[in-house]
N, C-alpha and C. Protein backbone atom coordinates (compact mmCIF):
# COMPACT_ATOMS: atom_id res chain seq x y z
N MET A 1 0.81 -1.08 0.08
CA MET A 1 0.10 0.21 0.04
C MET A 1 1.02 1.21 0.23
N ALA A 2 0.43 2.34 -0.68
CA ALA A 2 1.11 3.57 -0.85
C ALA A 2 1.23 4.24 0.49
N ASP A 3 2.23 5.15 0.95
CA ASP A 3 2.35 5.91 1.85
C ASP A 3 0.94 6.85 1.95
N ARG A 4 0.32 7.03 3.17
CA ARG A 4 -0.83 7.88 3.42
C ARG A 4 -0.11 8.89 4.12
N TYR A 5 -0.60 10.18 3.82
CA TYR A 5 -0.32 11.45 4.61
C TYR A 5 -1.57 12.03 5.05
N LYS A 6 -1.55 12.64 6.38
CA LYS A 6 -2.57 13.06 6.96
C LYS A 6 -2.81 14.61 7.13
N THR A 7 -3.82 15.22 6.96
CA THR A 7 -3.64 16.84 7.20
C THR A 7 -2.93 17.25 8.39
N GLY A 8 -1.95 18.17 8.45
CA GLY A 8 -1.32 18.59 9.35
C GLY A 8 -0.08 18.02 9.24
N GLU A 9 0.30 16.78 8.62
CA GLU A 9 1.62 16.56 8.12
C GLU A 9 2.34 17.27 7.19
N LYS A 10 3.74 16.95 6.95
CA LYS A 10 4.67 17.67 6.24
C LYS A 10 5.02 16.87 4.98
N ALA A 11 4.75 17.31 3.75
CA ALA A 11 4.83 16.67 2.64
C ALA A 11 6.58 16.25 2.56
N PRO A 12 6.91 14.93 2.56
CA PRO A 12 8.13 14.21 2.15
C PRO A 12 8.75 15.03 1.07
N GLU A 13 8.37 15.27 0.01
CA GLU A 13 8.76 15.56 -1.26
C GLU A 13 8.02 16.32 -2.10
N ASN A 14 8.50 16.87 -2.97
CA ASN A 14 7.72 17.66 -3.92
C ASN A 14 6.82 16.79 -4.63
N GLY A 15 5.63 17.36 -5.32
CA GLY A 15 4.95 16.55 -6.37
C GLY A 15 3.22 16.83 -5.94
N LYS A 16 2.88 15.95 -6.74
CA LYS A 16 1.51 16.10 -6.86
C LYS A 16 0.96 14.81 -6.06
N TYR A 17 -0.22 15.02 -5.18
CA TYR A 17 -0.76 13.91 -4.11
C TYR A 17 -2.24 14.32 -4.65
N GLU A 18 -3.09 13.18 -4.04
CA GLU A 18 -4.40 13.00 -4.23
C GLU A 18 -5.27 12.42 -3.04
N PHE A 19 -6.22 13.11 -2.95
CA PHE A 19 -7.10 12.60 -1.92
C PHE A 19 -7.39 11.24 -1.57
N ASP A 20 -7.34 10.53 -0.67
CA ASP A 20 -7.52 9.11 -0.01
C ASP A 20 -8.37 9.00 1.05
N GLY A 21 -9.36 9.80 1.10
CA GLY A 21 -10.58 9.42 2.17
C GLY A 21 -10.23 10.48 3.23
N LEU A 22 -11.42 10.71 4.03
CA LEU A 22 -11.36 11.54 5.45
C LEU A 22 -10.61 10.71 6.53
N THR A 23 -10.25 11.29 7.43
CA THR A 23 -9.63 10.58 8.44
C THR A 23 -10.49 10.04 9.28
N ASN A 24 -11.75 10.62 9.56
CA ASN A 24 -12.73 9.92 10.25
C ASN A 24 -13.64 8.85 9.88
N GLY A 25 -13.23 8.53 8.56
CA GLY A 25 -13.97 7.38 7.83
C GLY A 25 -15.09 7.74 7.31
N SER A 26 -15.81 8.89 7.18
CA SER A 26 -17.02 9.39 6.77
C SER A 26 -16.84 9.24 5.43
N ASN A 27 -18.15 9.32 4.78
CA ASN A 27 -18.12 9.42 3.34
C ASN A 27 -17.91 10.83 2.73
N SER A 28 -17.14 11.55 1.81
CA SER A 28 -17.07 12.58 1.33
C SER A 28 -17.17 12.71 -0.40
N ASN A 29 -17.63 13.91 -0.95
CA ASN A 29 -17.65 13.84 -2.36
C ASN A 29 -17.13 14.89 -2.63
N PRO A 30 -15.28 14.97 -2.60
CA PRO A 30 -14.77 16.12 -3.00
C PRO A 30 -14.93 16.49 -4.48
N THR A 31 -14.96 17.65 -5.03
CA THR A 31 -14.68 17.78 -6.22
C THR A 31 -13.38 17.49 -7.07
N GLU A 32 -13.66 17.70 -8.35
CA GLU A 32 -12.50 16.92 -8.74
C GLU A 32 -11.31 17.92 -8.83
N ASP A 33 -11.59 18.98 -8.73
CA ASP A 33 -10.55 20.26 -8.53
C ASP A 33 -9.73 19.87 -7.11
N GLU A 34 -10.32 19.63 -6.02
CA GLU A 34 -9.64 19.43 -4.60
C GLU A 34 -9.37 18.06 -4.54
N LYS A 35 -9.47 16.98 -5.49
CA LYS A 35 -8.72 15.97 -5.06
C LYS A 35 -7.87 15.40 -5.09
N HIS A 36 -7.09 16.62 -6.01
CA HIS A 36 -5.53 16.63 -6.33
C HIS A 36 -4.90 17.98 -5.67
N ILE A 37 -3.75 17.96 -5.30
CA ILE A 37 -2.83 19.00 -5.16
C ILE A 37 -1.50 18.85 -5.21
N SER A 38 -0.77 19.95 -5.35
CA SER A 38 0.64 20.06 -5.47
C SER A 38 1.29 20.74 -4.32
N LEU A 39 2.28 20.01 -3.89
CA LEU A 39 2.79 20.62 -2.70
C LEU A 39 4.60 20.40 -2.82
N GLN A 40 5.05 21.45 -2.11
CA GLN A 40 6.78 21.26 -1.99
C GLN A 40 6.83 20.45 -0.72
N SER A 41 8.47 19.98 -0.90
CA SER A 41 8.90 19.71 0.51
C SER A 41 8.62 20.40 1.46
N GLY A 42 7.95 19.58 2.90
CA GLY A 42 8.00 20.66 3.85
C GLY A 42 6.73 21.37 4.30
N GLU A 43 5.80 21.56 3.03
CA GLU A 43 4.88 22.26 3.06
C GLU A 43 3.63 21.13 3.85
N THR A 44 2.56 21.71 4.48
CA THR A 44 1.68 20.87 5.39
C THR A 44 0.66 20.60 4.42
N PHE A 45 0.11 19.15 4.51
CA PHE A 45 -0.98 18.74 3.88
C PHE A 45 -2.29 19.41 4.45
N PRO A 46 -3.15 19.87 3.62
CA PRO A 46 -4.35 20.48 4.10
C PRO A 46 -5.42 19.82 4.18
N PRO A 47 -6.52 20.34 4.78
CA PRO A 47 -7.82 19.76 5.05
C PRO A 47 -8.71 19.69 3.60
N LEU A 48 -9.53 18.75 3.75
CA LEU A 48 -10.39 18.68 2.27
C LEU A 48 -10.80 20.43 2.34
N ARG A 49 -10.82 21.11 1.19
CA ARG A 49 -11.42 22.51 1.47
C ARG A 49 -13.00 22.48 1.39
N SER A 50 -13.61 21.75 0.78
CA SER A 50 -15.09 22.02 0.87
C SER A 50 -15.87 21.75 2.07
N SER A 51 -15.01 20.70 2.79
CA SER A 51 -15.79 20.17 3.85
C SER A 51 -14.60 20.96 5.25
N LYS A 52 -13.43 21.41 5.10
CA LYS A 52 -12.53 21.56 5.89
C LYS A 52 -12.26 20.46 7.03
N GLU A 53 -12.39 19.04 6.42
CA GLU A 53 -12.55 18.24 7.45
C GLU A 53 -11.11 17.38 7.08
N SER A 54 -10.29 16.79 8.10
CA SER A 54 -9.11 16.27 8.11
C SER A 54 -9.01 15.02 7.26
N ALA A 55 -7.92 14.89 6.36
CA ALA A 55 -8.18 14.10 4.77
C ALA A 55 -6.79 13.36 4.88
N TYR A 56 -7.04 12.10 4.25
CA TYR A 56 -5.89 11.40 4.08
C TYR A 56 -5.05 11.78 2.75
N TRP A 57 -4.06 11.66 2.19
CA TRP A 57 -3.44 12.06 0.95
C TRP A 57 -2.55 10.82 0.58
N LYS A 58 -2.12 10.65 -0.78
CA LYS A 58 -1.27 9.91 -1.30
C LYS A 58 -0.74 10.15 -2.26
N LYS A 59 0.60 9.99 -2.73
CA LYS A 59 1.37 10.56 -3.82
C LYS A 59 0.70 10.09 -5.08
N ALA A 60 0.41 10.94 -5.98
CA ALA A 60 0.04 10.66 -7.31
C ALA A 60 0.87 10.31 -8.38
């Protein structure tokens, strides 16, 4: 399984990351636009924009 990163953690490397679920396990319907983010090494993984909920991210 690919590494998962949680809202608040730091990105280990530059790159594109994709949404991989909410940390509380509830269902969500993120827009296509918010399913993908670009981060630089050391930047913080954000919450899901539409719901402001903590999310899991994985390297795309």
